[in-house]
Amino acid sequence: MNEGFAWWLLVLGIAIGVAVVWLIMLRLPRTEADLDEEELAREAGWISRTIGAFGGVAPEPLVEEVLELHHQYLQGSVTEAVGVGGLHVEDEPEDEGPEESETGPKTLPATKTAPLPGER
């Protein structure tokens, strides 16, 4: 094997190595662990502005808290559900059912919901 051919193989190997690393980095999705606090704040700001552009209301601190809760959920550190005001779901008072009036039981209006994926 001559010296020119060896240099050509070295350059080709480096080029292929760079291409493979670039493809892997491009194809691998980012995970929650890749985000630092600063990027989390930027993401929350972007989400808040995007929801606001469509007429919704989502303050940045709320979005940051939701993103942090989502991160905890993905880590599997969620052991029980927490309800309104920090009460655990088990601690919340149970609804005693619909109130009855002179015209009969009080009912809530029906709401139309979208079917879940796979349902028709």
PDB file of N, CA and C in Angstrom:
ATOM      1  N   MET A   1       0.862  -1.158   0.000  1.00  0.00           N
ATOM      2  CA  MET A   1       0.000   0.000   0.000  1.00  0.00           C
ATOM      3  C   MET A   1       0.918   1.234   0.000  1.00  0.00           C
ATOM      4  N   ASN A   2       0.656   2.153  -0.920  1.00  0.00           N
ATOM      5  CA  ASN A   2       1.516   3.322  -0.976  1.00  0.00           C
ATOM      6  C   ASN A   2       1.028   4.414  -0.029  1.00  0.00           C
ATOM      7  N   GLU A   3       1.875   5.399   0.168  1.00  0.00           N
ATOM      8  CA  GLU A   3       1.597   6.449   1.150  1.00  0.00           C
ATOM      9  C   GLU A   3       0.415   7.327   0.745  1.00  0.00           C
ATOM     10  N   GLY A   4       0.262   7.604  -0.515  1.00  0.00           N
ATOM     11  CA  GLY A   4      -0.854   8.427  -1.011  1.00  0.00           C
ATOM     12  C   GLY A   4      -2.207   7.761  -0.745  1.00  0.00           C
ATOM     13  N   PHE A   5      -2.247   6.458  -0.951  1.00  0.00           N
ATOM     14  CA  PHE A   5      -3.493   5.716  -0.717  1.00  0.00           C
ATOM     15  C   PHE A   5      -3.849   5.713   0.773  1.00  0.00           C
ATOM     16  N   ALA A   6      -2.872   5.585   1.639  1.00  0.00           N
ATOM     17  CA  ALA A   6      -3.118   5.587   3.085  1.00  0.00           C
ATOM     18  C   ALA A   6      -3.679   6.942   3.538  1.00  0.00           C
ATOM     19  N   TRP A   7      -3.126   8.035   3.012  1.00  0.00           N
ATOM     20  CA  TRP A   7      -3.663   9.365   3.365  1.00  0.00           C
ATOM     21  C   TRP A   7      -5.093   9.526   2.858  1.00  0.00           C
ATOM     22  N   TRP A   8      -5.352   8.996   1.668  1.00  0.00           N
ATOM     23  CA  TRP A   8      -6.698   9.082   1.114  1.00  0.00           C
ATOM     24  C   TRP A   8      -7.678   8.308   2.001  1.00  0.00           C
ATOM     25  N   LEU A   9      -7.287   7.127   2.460  1.00  0.00           N
ATOM     26  CA  LEU A   9      -8.142   6.338   3.357  1.00  0.00           C
ATOM     27  C   LEU A   9      -8.358   7.060   4.695  1.00  0.00           C
ATOM     28  N   LEU A  10      -7.340   7.713   5.215  1.00  0.00           N
ATOM     29  CA  LEU A  10      -7.474   8.461   6.467  1.00  0.00           C
ATOM     30  C   LEU A  10      -8.468   9.609   6.319  1.00  0.00           C
ATOM     31  N   VAL A  11      -8.350  10.369   5.256  1.00  0.00           N
ATOM     32  CA  VAL A  11      -9.273  11.486   5.006  1.00  0.00           C
ATOM     33  C   VAL A  11     -10.690  10.955   4.812  1.00  0.00           C
ATOM     34  N   LEU A  12     -10.839   9.886   4.058  1.00  0.00           N
ATOM     35  CA  LEU A  12     -12.153   9.285   3.838  1.00  0.00           C
ATOM     36  C   LEU A  12     -12.746   8.777   5.160  1.00  0.00           C
ATOM     37  N   GLY A  13     -11.925   8.144   5.993  1.00  0.00           N
ATOM     38  CA  GLY A  13     -12.403   7.655   7.292  1.00  0.00           C
ATOM     39  C   GLY A  13     -12.849   8.789   8.197  1.00  0.00           C
ATOM     40  N   ILE A  14     -12.099   9.883   8.220  1.00  0.00           N
ATOM     41  CA  ILE A  14     -12.491  11.036   9.032  1.00  0.00           C
ATOM     42  C   ILE A  14     -13.803  11.629   8.510  1.00  0.00           C
ATOM     43  N   ALA A  15     -13.943  11.747   7.205  1.00  0.00           N
ATOM     44  CA  ALA A  15     -15.169  12.298   6.614  1.00  0.00           C
ATOM     45  C   ALA A  15     -16.372  11.413   6.941  1.00  0.00           C
ATOM     46  N   ILE A  16     -16.198  10.118   6.827  1.00  0.00           N
ATOM     47  CA  ILE A  16     -17.295   9.197   7.154  1.00  0.00           C
ATOM     48  C   ILE A  16     -17.627   9.283   8.640  1.00  0.00           C
ATOM     49  N   GLY A  17     -16.620   9.354   9.488  1.00  0.00           N
ATOM     50  CA  GLY A  17     -16.844   9.475  10.927  1.00  0.00           C
ATOM     51  C   GLY A  17     -17.609  10.742  11.282  1.00  0.00           C
ATOM     52  N   VAL A  18     -17.212  11.875  10.676  1.00  0.00           N
ATOM     53  CA  VAL A  18     -17.921  13.134  10.913  1.00  0.00           C
ATOM     54  C   VAL A  18     -19.370  13.031  10.428  1.00  0.00           C
ATOM     55  N   ALA A  19     -19.573  12.433   9.279  1.00  0.00           N
ATOM     56  CA  ALA A  19     -20.934  12.287   8.738  1.00  0.00           C
ATOM     57  C   ALA A  19     -21.802  11.416   9.651  1.00  0.00           C
ATOM     58  N   VAL A  20     -21.248  10.327  10.150  1.00  0.00           N
ATOM     59  CA  VAL A  20     -22.010   9.437  11.038  1.00  0.00           C
ATOM     60  C   VAL A  20     -22.360  10.149  12.339  1.00  0.00           C
ATOM     61  N   VAL A  21     -21.397  10.851  12.932  1.00  0.00           N
ATOM     62  CA  VAL A  21     -21.665  11.590  14.173  1.00  0.00           C
ATOM     63  C   VAL A  21     -22.721  12.660  13.931  1.00  0.00           C
ATOM     64  N   TRP A  22     -22.618  13.370  12.825  1.00  0.00           N
ATOM     65  CA  TRP A  22     -23.595  14.408  12.493  1.00  0.00           C
ATOM     66  C   TRP A  22     -24.985  13.805  12.323  1.00  0.00           C
ATOM     67  N   LEU A  23     -25.093  12.674  11.642  1.00  0.00           N
ATOM     68  CA  LEU A  23     -26.392  12.025  11.460  1.00  0.00           C
ATOM     69  C   LEU A  23     -26.981  11.554  12.792  1.00  0.00           C
ATOM     70  N   ILE A  24     -26.139  10.990  13.640  1.00  0.00           N
ATOM     71  CA  ILE A  24     -26.619  10.516  14.938  1.00  0.00           C
ATOM     72  C   ILE A  24     -27.119  11.684  15.774  1.00  0.00           C
ATOM     73  N   MET A  25     -26.356  12.755  15.819  1.00  0.00           N
ATOM     74  CA  MET A  25     -26.761  13.923  16.608  1.00  0.00           C
ATOM     75  C   MET A  25     -28.030  14.551  16.041  1.00  0.00           C
ATOM     76  N   LEU A  26     -28.188  14.532  14.747  1.00  0.00           N
ATOM     77  CA  LEU A  26     -29.367  15.094  14.108  1.00  0.00           C
ATOM     78  C   LEU A  26     -30.595  14.236  14.383  1.00  0.00           C
ATOM     79  N   ARG A  27     -30.439  12.940  14.411  1.00  0.00           N
ATOM     80  CA  ARG A  27     -31.576  12.025  14.539  1.00  0.00           C
ATOM     81  C   ARG A  27     -31.983  11.752  15.981  1.00  0.00           C
ATOM     82  N   LEU A  28     -31.077  11.921  16.943  1.00  0.00           N
ATOM     83  CA  LEU A  28     -31.420  11.637  18.328  1.00  0.00           C
ATOM     84  C   LEU A  28     -32.287  12.756  18.894  1.00  0.00           C
ATOM     85  N   PRO A  29     -33.455  12.440  19.435  1.00  0.00           N
ATOM     86  CA  PRO A  29     -34.291  13.489  20.025  1.00  0.00           C
ATOM     87  C   PRO A  29     -33.711  13.966  21.344  1.00  0.00           C
ATOM     88  N   ARG A  30     -34.010  15.211  21.668  1.00  0.00           N
ATOM     89  CA  ARG A  30     -33.583  15.756  22.956  1.00  0.00           C
ATOM     90  C   ARG A  30     -34.518  15.232  24.037  1.00  0.00           C
ATOM     91  N   THR A  31     -34.000  15.118  25.230  1.00  0.00           N
ATOM     92  CA  THR A  31     -34.808  14.659  26.349  1.00  0.00           C
ATOM     93  C   THR A  31     -34.967  15.780  27.359  1.00  0.00           C
ATOM     94  N   GLU A  32     -35.813  15.554  28.347  1.00  0.00           N
ATOM     95  CA  GLU A  32     -36.038  16.543  29.398  1.00  0.00           C
ATOM     96  C   GLU A  32     -34.756  16.842  30.167  1.00  0.00           C
ATOM     97  N   ALA A  33     -33.878  15.856  30.283  1.00  0.00           N
ATOM     98  CA  ALA A  33     -32.635  16.037  31.030  1.00  0.00           C
ATOM     99  C   ALA A  33     -31.673  16.979  30.315  1.00  0.00           C
ATOM    100  N   ASP A  34     -31.877  17.202  29.014  1.00  0.00           N
ATOM    101  CA  ASP A  34     -31.010  18.086  28.258  1.00  0.00           C
ATOM    102  C   ASP A  34     -31.285  19.570  28.526  1.00  0.00           C
ATOM    103  N   LEU A  35     -32.400  19.891  29.164  1.00  0.00           N
ATOM    104  CA  LEU A  35     -32.791  21.282  29.386  1.00  0.00           C
ATOM    105  C   LEU A  35     -32.262  21.797  30.713  1.00  0.00           C
ATOM    106  N   ASP A  36     -31.649  22.983  30.691  1.00  0.00           N
ATOM    107  CA  ASP A  36     -31.256  23.619  31.943  1.00  0.00           C
ATOM    108  C   ASP A  36     -32.329  24.650  32.319  1.00  0.00           C
ATOM    109  N   GLU A  37     -32.144  25.308  33.444  1.00  0.00           N
ATOM    110  CA  GLU A  37     -33.152  26.247  33.957  1.00  0.00           C
ATOM    111  C   GLU A  37     -33.389  27.409  32.992  1.00  0.00           C
ATOM    112  N   GLU A  38     -32.328  27.914  32.384  1.00  0.00           N
ATOM    113  CA  GLU A  38     -32.456  29.048  31.461  1.00  0.00           C
ATOM    114  C   GLU A  38     -33.268  28.661  30.227  1.00  0.00           C
ATOM    115  N   GLU A  39     -32.986  27.488  29.691  1.00  0.00           N
ATOM    116  CA  GLU A  39     -33.724  27.039  28.512  1.00  0.00           C
ATOM    117  C   GLU A  39     -35.169  26.713  28.864  1.00  0.00           C
ATOM    118  N   LEU A  40     -35.405  26.204  30.062  1.00  0.00           N
ATOM    119  CA  LEU A  40     -36.763  25.947  30.519  1.00  0.00           C
ATOM    120  C   LEU A  40     -37.568  27.245  30.569  1.00  0.00           C
ATOM    121  N   ALA A  41     -36.939  28.332  31.058  1.00  0.00           N
ATOM    122  CA  ALA A  41     -37.612  29.630  31.106  1.00  0.00           C
ATOM    123  C   ALA A  41     -37.907  30.147  29.699  1.00  0.00           C
ATOM    124  N   ARG A  42     -36.961  29.967  28.772  1.00  0.00           N
ATOM    125  CA  ARG A  42     -37.207  30.389  27.373  1.00  0.00           C
ATOM    126  C   ARG A  42     -38.336  29.581  26.754  1.00  0.00           C
ATOM    127  N   GLU A  43     -38.371  28.281  27.029  1.00  0.00           N
ATOM    128  CA  GLU A  43     -39.431  27.432  26.491  1.00  0.00           C
ATOM    129  C   GLU A  43     -40.783  27.844  27.057  1.00  0.00           C
ATOM    130  N   ALA A  44     -40.823  28.134  28.359  1.00  0.00           N
ATOM    131  CA  ALA A  44     -42.079  28.563  28.978  1.00  0.00           C
ATOM    132  C   ALA A  44     -42.551  29.880  28.374  1.00  0.00           C
ATOM    133  N   GLY A  45     -41.632  30.804  28.119  1.00  0.00           N
ATOM    134  CA  GLY A  45     -41.993  32.067  27.481  1.00  0.00           C
ATOM    135  C   GLY A  45     -42.543  31.855  26.084  1.00  0.00           C
ATOM    136  N   TRP A  46     -41.913  30.976  25.326  1.00  0.00           N
ATOM    137  CA  TRP A  46     -42.383  30.684  23.970  1.00  0.00           C
ATOM    138  C   TRP A  46     -43.769  30.056  23.999  1.00  0.00           C
ATOM    139  N   ILE A  47     -43.981  29.089  24.889  1.00  0.00           N
ATOM    140  CA  ILE A  47     -45.298  28.449  25.002  1.00  0.00           C
ATOM    141  C   ILE A  47     -46.349  29.472  25.401  1.00  0.00           C
ATOM    142  N   SER A  48     -46.019  30.325  26.367  1.00  0.00           N
ATOM    143  CA  SER A  48     -46.962  31.347  26.829  1.00  0.00           C
ATOM    144  C   SER A  48     -47.332  32.305  25.701  1.00  0.00           C
ATOM    145  N   ARG A  49     -46.337  32.758  24.943  1.00  0.00           N
ATOM    146  CA  ARG A  49     -46.614  33.673  23.820  1.00  0.00           C
ATOM    147  C   ARG A  49     -47.425  32.986  22.735  1.00  0.00           C
ATOM    148  N   THR A  50     -47.128  31.715  22.457  1.00  0.00           N
ATOM    149  CA  THR A  50     -47.855  30.983  21.423  1.00  0.00           C
ATOM    150  C   THR A  50     -49.318  30.794  21.815  1.00  0.00           C
ATOM    151  N   ILE A  51     -49.572  30.417  23.060  1.00  0.00           N
ATOM    152  CA  ILE A  51     -50.953  30.259  23.524  1.00  0.00           C
ATOM    153  C   ILE A  51     -51.658  31.608  23.501  1.00  0.00           C
ATOM    154  N   GLY A  52     -50.956  32.678  23.900  1.00  0.00           N
ATOM    155  CA  GLY A  52     -51.536  34.021  23.864  1.00  0.00           C
ATOM    156  C   GLY A  52     -51.876  34.469  22.456  1.00  0.00           C
ATOM    157  N   ALA A  53     -51.067  34.077  21.477  1.00  0.00           N
ATOM    158  CA  ALA A  53     -51.332  34.445  20.084  1.00  0.00           C
ATOM    159  C   ALA A  53     -52.617  33.821  19.568  1.00  0.00           C
ATOM    160  N   PHE A  54     -53.016  32.711  20.136  1.00  0.00           N
ATOM    161  CA  PHE A  54     -54.246  32.052  19.720  1.00  0.00           C
ATOM    162  C   PHE A  54     -55.425  32.390  20.626  1.00  0.00           C
ATOM    163  N   GLY A  55     -55.244  33.395  21.486  1.00  0.00           N
ATOM    164  CA  GLY A  55     -56.343  33.870  22.317  1.00  0.00           C
ATOM    165  C   GLY A  55     -56.427  33.234  23.689  1.00  0.00           C
ATOM    166  N   GLY A  56     -55.511  32.373  24.041  1.00  0.00           N
ATOM    167  CA  GLY A  56     -55.532  31.728  25.350  1.00  0.00           C
ATOM    168  C   GLY A  56     -54.755  32.531  26.378  1.00  0.00           C
ATOM    169  N   VAL A  57     -54.832  32.089  27.601  1.00  0.00           N
ATOM    170  CA  VAL A  57     -54.107  32.739  28.684  1.00  0.00           C
ATOM    171  C   VAL A  57     -53.271  31.679  29.396  1.00  0.00           C
ATOM    172  N   ALA A  58     -51.973  31.870  29.375  1.00  0.00           N
ATOM    173  CA  ALA A  58     -51.055  30.944  30.055  1.00  0.00           C
ATOM    174  C   ALA A  58     -49.850  31.742  30.527  1.00  0.00           C
ATOM    175  N   PRO A  59     -49.900  32.262  31.762  1.00  0.00           N
ATOM    176  CA  PRO A  59     -48.762  33.031  32.268  1.00  0.00           C
ATOM    177  C   PRO A  59     -47.498  32.167  32.336  1.00  0.00           C
ATOM    178  N   GLU A  60     -46.350  32.814  32.128  1.00  0.00           N
ATOM    179  CA  GLU A  60     -45.077  32.082  32.119  1.00  0.00           C
ATOM    180  C   GLU A  60     -44.826  31.279  33.391  1.00  0.00           C
ATOM    181  N   PRO A  61     -45.092  31.829  34.604  1.00  0.00           N
ATOM    182  CA  PRO A  61     -44.849  31.011  35.803  1.00  0.00           C
ATOM    183  C   PRO A  61     -45.689  29.726  35.821  1.00  0.00           C
ATOM    184  N   LEU A  62     -46.925  29.799  35.326  1.00  0.00           N
ATOM    185  CA  LEU A  62     -47.770  28.606  35.268  1.00  0.00           C
ATOM    186  C   LEU A  62     -47.188  27.591  34.294  1.00  0.00           C
ATOM    187  N   VAL A  63     -46.755  28.061  33.138  1.00  0.00           N
ATOM    188  CA  VAL A  63     -46.187  27.153  32.137  1.00  0.00           C
ATOM    189  C   VAL A  63     -44.906  26.519  32.663  1.00  0.00           C
ATOM    190  N   GLU A  64     -44.062  27.300  33.361  1.00  0.00           N
ATOM    191  CA  GLU A  64     -42.845  26.737  33.950  1.00  0.00           C
ATOM    192  C   GLU A  64     -43.180  25.640  34.953  1.00  0.00           C
ATOM    193  N   GLU A  65     -44.208  25.872  35.762  1.00  0.00           N
ATOM    194  CA  GLU A  65     -44.603  24.864  36.751  1.00  0.00           C
ATOM    195  C   GLU A  65     -45.125  23.606  36.062  1.00  0.00           C
ATOM    196  N   VAL A  66     -45.896  23.768  34.999  1.00  0.00           N
ATOM    197  CA  VAL A  66     -46.405  22.613  34.263  1.00  0.00           C
ATOM    198  C   VAL A  66     -45.248  21.831  33.638  1.00  0.00           C
ATOM    199  N   LEU A  67     -44.267  22.546  33.071  1.00  0.00           N
ATOM    200  CA  LEU A  67     -43.109  21.859  32.491  1.00  0.00           C
ATOM    201  C   LEU A  67     -42.315  21.109  33.556  1.00  0.00           C
ATOM    202  N   GLU A  68     -42.168  21.703  34.739  1.00  0.00           N
ATOM    203  CA  GLU A  68     -41.459  21.022  35.833  1.00  0.00           C
ATOM    204  C   GLU A  68     -42.228  19.788  36.298  1.00  0.00           C
ATOM    205  N   LEU A  69     -43.555  19.895  36.388  1.00  0.00           N
ATOM    206  CA  LEU A  69     -44.359  18.731  36.770  1.00  0.00           C
ATOM    207  C   LEU A  69     -44.261  17.635  35.713  1.00  0.00           C
ATOM    208  N   HIS A  70     -44.224  18.039  34.449  1.00  0.00           N
ATOM    209  CA  HIS A  70     -44.072  17.058  33.377  1.00  0.00           C
ATOM    210  C   HIS A  70     -42.725  16.347  33.484  1.00  0.00           C
ATOM    211  N   HIS A  71     -41.680  17.102  33.808  1.00  0.00           N
ATOM    212  CA  HIS A  71     -40.349  16.514  33.998  1.00  0.00           C
ATOM    213  C   HIS A  71     -40.364  15.502  35.141  1.00  0.00           C
ATOM    214  N   GLN A  72     -41.023  15.853  36.250  1.00  0.00           N
ATOM    215  CA  GLN A  72     -41.123  14.933  37.381  1.00  0.00           C
ATOM    216  C   GLN A  72     -41.908  13.688  36.994  1.00  0.00           C
ATOM    217  N   TYR A  73     -42.963  13.863  36.207  1.00  0.00           N
ATOM    218  CA  TYR A  73     -43.773  12.724  35.767  1.00  0.00           C
ATOM    219  C   TYR A  73     -42.940  11.764  34.920  1.00  0.00           C
ATOM    220  N   LEU A  74     -42.144  12.305  33.996  1.00  0.00           N
ATOM    221  CA  LEU A  74     -41.325  11.453  33.143  1.00  0.00           C
ATOM    222  C   LEU A  74     -40.249  10.721  33.924  1.00  0.00           C
ATOM    223  N   GLN A  75     -39.772  11.306  35.019  1.00  0.00           N
ATOM    224  CA  GLN A  75     -38.775  10.653  35.853  1.00  0.00           C
ATOM    225  C   GLN A  75     -39.390   9.559  36.715  1.00  0.00           C
ATOM    226  N   GLY A  76     -40.708   9.524  36.809  1.00  0.00           N
ATOM    227  CA  GLY A  76     -41.378   8.512  37.603  1.00  0.00           C
ATOM    228  C   GLY A  76     -41.428   8.840  39.075  1.00  0.00           C
ATOM    229  N   SER A  77     -41.191  10.105  39.433  1.00  0.00           N
ATOM    230  CA  SER A  77     -41.187  10.462  40.850  1.00  0.00           C
ATOM    231  C   SER A  77     -42.576  10.867  41.344  1.00  0.00           C
ATOM    232  N   VAL A  78     -43.595  10.722  40.514  1.00  0.00           N
ATOM    233  CA  VAL A  78     -44.953  11.046  40.927  1.00  0.00           C
ATOM    234  C   VAL A  78     -45.565   9.800  41.548  1.00  0.00           C
ATOM    235  N   THR A  79     -45.945   9.891  42.817  1.00  0.00           N
ATOM    236  CA  THR A  79     -46.500   8.727  43.487  1.00  0.00           C
ATOM    237  C   THR A  79     -47.991   8.858  43.746  1.00  0.00           C
ATOM    238  N   GLU A  80     -48.479  10.093  43.860  1.00  0.00           N
ATOM    239  CA  GLU A  80     -49.906  10.275  44.095  1.00  0.00           C
ATOM    240  C   GLU A  80     -50.336  11.596  43.490  1.00  0.00           C
ATOM    241  N   ALA A  81     -51.612  11.687  43.188  1.00  0.00           N
ATOM    242  CA  ALA A  81     -52.145  12.904  42.583  1.00  0.00           C
ATOM    243  C   ALA A  81     -52.411  13.948  43.658  1.00  0.00           C
ATOM    244  N   VAL A  82     -52.199  15.194  43.307  1.00  0.00           N
ATOM    245  CA  VAL A  82     -52.466  16.301  44.221  1.00  0.00           C
ATOM    246  C   VAL A  82     -53.576  17.130  43.606  1.00  0.00           C
ATOM    247  N   GLY A  83     -54.577  17.453  44.404  1.00  0.00           N
ATOM    248  CA  GLY A  83     -55.711  18.219  43.921  1.00  0.00           C
ATOM    249  C   GLY A  83     -55.539  19.706  44.155  1.00  0.00           C
ATOM    250  N   VAL A  84     -56.629  20.427  44.101  1.00  0.00           N
ATOM    251  CA  VAL A  84     -56.641  21.876  44.253  1.00  0.00           C
ATOM    252  C   VAL A  84     -56.217  22.264  45.666  1.00  0.00           C
ATOM    253  N   GLY A  85     -55.395  23.289  45.783  1.00  0.00           N
ATOM    254  CA  GLY A  85     -54.986  23.790  47.088  1.00  0.00           C
ATOM    255  C   GLY A  85     -54.015  22.878  47.808  1.00  0.00           C
ATOM    256  N   GLY A  86     -53.356  21.953  47.106  1.00  0.00           N
ATOM    257  CA  GLY A  86     -52.385  21.082  47.735  1.00  0.00           C
ATOM    258  C   GLY A  86     -53.007  19.884  48.449  1.00  0.00           C
ATOM    259  N   LEU A  87     -54.331  19.747  48.401  1.00  0.00           N
ATOM    260  CA  LEU A  87     -54.966  18.585  49.027  1.00  0.00           C
ATOM    261  C   LEU A  87     -54.742  17.358  48.168  1.00  0.00           C
ATOM    262  N   HIS A  88     -54.504  16.257  48.796  1.00  0.00           N
ATOM    263  CA  HIS A  88     -54.418  15.016  48.048  1.00  0.00           C
ATOM    264  C   HIS A  88     -55.806  14.634  47.584  1.00  0.00           C
ATOM    265  N   VAL A  89     -55.874  13.943  46.481  1.00  0.00           N
ATOM    266  CA  VAL A  89     -57.162  13.584  45.907  1.00  0.00           C
ATOM    267  C   VAL A  89     -58.016  12.838  46.923  1.00  0.00           C
ATOM    268  N   GLU A  90     -57.376  11.984  47.738  1.00  0.00           N
ATOM    269  CA  GLU A  90     -58.137  11.218  48.725  1.00  0.00           C
ATOM    270  C   GLU A  90     -58.727  12.126  49.811  1.00  0.00           C
ATOM    271  N   ASP A  91     -58.066  13.291  50.072  1.00  0.00           N
ATOM    272  CA  ASP A  91     -58.499  14.182  51.138  1.00  0.00           C
ATOM    273  C   ASP A  91     -59.628  15.114  50.736  1.00  0.00           C
ATOM    274  N   GLU A  92     -59.891  15.235  49.439  1.00  0.00           N
ATOM    275  CA  GLU A  92     -60.911  16.174  48.990  1.00  0.00           C
ATOM    276  C   GLU A  92     -62.286  15.668  49.417  1.00  0.00           C
ATOM    277  N   PRO A  93     -63.179  16.594  49.773  1.00  0.00           N
ATOM    278  CA  PRO A  93     -64.520  16.178  50.161  1.00  0.00           C
ATOM    279  C   PRO A  93     -65.242  15.544  48.985  1.00  0.00           C
ATOM    280  N   GLU A  94     -65.983  14.504  49.285  1.00  0.00           N
ATOM    281  CA  GLU A  94     -66.710  13.823  48.224  1.00  0.00           C
ATOM    282  C   GLU A  94     -67.969  14.584  47.884  1.00  0.00           C
ATOM    283  N   ASP A  95     -68.311  14.569  46.606  1.00  0.00           N
ATOM    284  CA  ASP A  95     -69.532  15.213  46.157  1.00  0.00           C
ATOM    285  C   ASP A  95     -70.705  14.342  46.605  1.00  0.00           C
ATOM    286  N   GLU A  96     -71.690  14.979  47.167  1.00  0.00           N
ATOM    287  CA  GLU A  96     -72.828  14.232  47.692  1.00  0.00           C
ATOM    288  C   GLU A  96     -73.886  13.978  46.640  1.00  0.00           C
ATOM    289  N   GLY A  97     -73.566  14.251  45.397  1.00  0.00           N
ATOM    290  CA  GLY A  97     -74.517  14.002  44.334  1.00  0.00           C
ATOM    291  C   GLY A  97     -75.274  15.260  43.971  1.00  0.00           C
ATOM    292  N   PRO A  98     -76.115  15.162  42.944  1.00  0.00           N
ATOM    293  CA  PRO A  98     -76.867  16.334  42.513  1.00  0.00           C
ATOM    294  C   PRO A  98     -77.914  16.735  43.553  1.00  0.00           C
ATOM    295  N   GLU A  99     -78.078  18.063  43.671  1.00  0.00           N
ATOM    296  CA  GLU A  99     -79.090  18.567  44.596  1.00  0.00           C
ATOM    297  C   GLU A  99     -80.464  18.413  43.954  1.00  0.00           C
ATOM    298  N   GLU A 100     -81.445  18.179  44.786  1.00  0.00           N
ATOM    299  CA  GLU A 100     -82.795  18.071  44.265  1.00  0.00           C
ATOM    300  C   GLU A 100     -83.540  19.359  44.537  1.00  0.00           C
ATOM    301  N   SER A 101     -84.340  19.758  43.575  1.00  0.00           N
ATOM    302  CA  SER A 101     -85.177  20.942  43.748  1.00  0.00           C
ATOM    303  C   SER A 101     -86.631  20.525  43.598  1.00  0.00           C
ATOM    304  N   GLU A 102     -87.519  21.508  43.595  1.00  0.00           N
ATOM    305  CA  GLU A 102     -88.944  21.184  43.486  1.00  0.00           C
ATOM    306  C   GLU A 102     -89.263  20.538  42.147  1.00  0.00           C
ATOM    307  N   THR A 103     -88.458  20.813  41.134  1.00  0.00           N
ATOM    308  CA  THR A 103     -88.737  20.268  39.804  1.00  0.00           C
ATOM    309  C   THR A 103     -88.022  18.948  39.553  1.00  0.00           C
ATOM    310  N   GLY A 104     -87.258  18.475  40.525  1.00  0.00           N
ATOM    311  CA  GLY A 104     -86.575  17.204  40.348  1.00  0.00           C
ATOM    312  C   GLY A 104     -85.087  17.356  40.592  1.00  0.00           C
ATOM    313  N   PRO A 105     -84.328  16.312  40.300  1.00  0.00           N
ATOM    314  CA  PRO A 105     -82.896  16.376  40.568  1.00  0.00           C
ATOM    315  C   PRO A 105     -82.198  17.387  39.651  1.00  0.00           C
ATOM    316  N   LYS A 106     -81.188  18.025  40.220  1.00  0.00           N
ATOM    317  CA  LYS A 106     -80.403  18.988  39.462  1.00  0.00           C
ATOM    318  C   LYS A 106     -79.392  18.217  38.622  1.00  0.00           C
ATOM    319  N   THR A 107     -79.363  18.483  37.326  1.00  0.00           N
ATOM    320  CA  THR A 107     -78.432  17.802  36.442  1.00  0.00           C
ATOM    321  C   THR A 107     -77.544  18.828  35.766  1.00  0.00           C
ATOM    322  N   LEU A 108     -76.384  18.384  35.401  1.00  0.00           N
ATOM    323  CA  LEU A 108     -75.461  19.241  34.689  1.00  0.00           C
ATOM    324  C   LEU A 108     -75.687  19.089  33.192  1.00  0.00           C
ATOM    325  N   PRO A 109     -75.443  20.153  32.422  1.00  0.00           N
ATOM    326  CA  PRO A 109     -75.630  20.031  30.972  1.00  0.00           C
ATOM    327  C   PRO A 109     -74.595  19.080  30.382  1.00  0.00           C
ATOM    328  N   ALA A 110     -75.002  18.345  29.372  1.00  0.00           N
ATOM    329  CA  ALA A 110     -74.105  17.411  28.708  1.00  0.00           C
ATOM    330  C   ALA A 110     -73.105  18.192  27.873  1.00  0.00           C
ATOM    331  N   THR A 111     -71.885  17.715  27.835  1.00  0.00           N
ATOM    332  CA  THR A 111     -70.867  18.350  27.011  1.00  0.00           C
ATOM    333  C   THR A 111     -70.421  17.377  25.944  1.00  0.00           C
ATOM    334  N   LYS A 112     -70.122  17.918  24.796  1.00  0.00           N
ATOM    335  CA  LYS A 112     -69.666  17.094  23.691  1.00  0.00           C
ATOM    336  C   LYS A 112     -68.154  17.002  23.771  1.00  0.00           C
ATOM    337  N   THR A 113     -67.613  15.806  23.738  1.00  0.00           N
ATOM    338  CA  THR A 113     -66.168  15.614  23.777  1.00  0.00           C
ATOM    339  C   THR A 113     -65.721  14.918  22.507  1.00  0.00           C
ATOM    340  N   ALA A 114     -64.501  15.171  22.155  1.00  0.00           N
ATOM    341  CA  ALA A 114     -63.922  14.512  20.988  1.00  0.00           C
ATOM    342  C   ALA A 114     -63.616  13.054  21.338  1.00  0.00           C
ATOM    343  N   PRO A 115     -63.790  12.158  20.374  1.00  0.00           N
ATOM    344  CA  PRO A 115     -63.471  10.755  20.662  1.00  0.00           C
ATOM    345  C   PRO A 115     -61.968  10.576  20.854  1.00  0.00           C
ATOM    346  N   LEU A 116     -61.619   9.614  21.670  1.00  0.00           N
ATOM    347  CA  LEU A 116     -60.216   9.283  21.892  1.00  0.00           C
ATOM    348  C   LEU A 116     -59.673   8.597  20.643  1.00  0.00           C
ATOM    349  N   PRO A 117     -58.361   8.659  20.437  1.00  0.00           N
ATOM    350  CA  PRO A 117     -57.804   7.952  19.293  1.00  0.00           C
ATOM    351  C   PRO A 117     -58.175   6.474  19.331  1.00  0.00           C
ATOM    352  N   GLY A 118     -58.620   5.976  18.218  1.00  0.00           N
ATOM    353  CA  GLY A 118     -59.024   4.576  18.138  1.00  0.00           C
ATOM    354  C   GLY A 118     -60.520   4.378  18.362  1.00  0.00           C
ATOM    355  N   GLU A 119     -61.229   5.409  18.872  1.00  0.00           N
ATOM    356  CA  GLU A 119     -62.671   5.312  19.050  1.00  0.00           C
ATOM    357  C   GLU A 119     -63.381   5.951  17.873  1.00  0.00           C
ATOM    358  N   ARG A 120     -64.600   5.581  17.671  1.00  0.00           N
ATOM    359  CA  ARG A 120     -65.394   6.213  16.609  1.00  0.00           C
ATOM    360  C   ARG A 120     -66.754   6.511  17.113  1.00  0.00           C
TER     361      ARG A 120
END
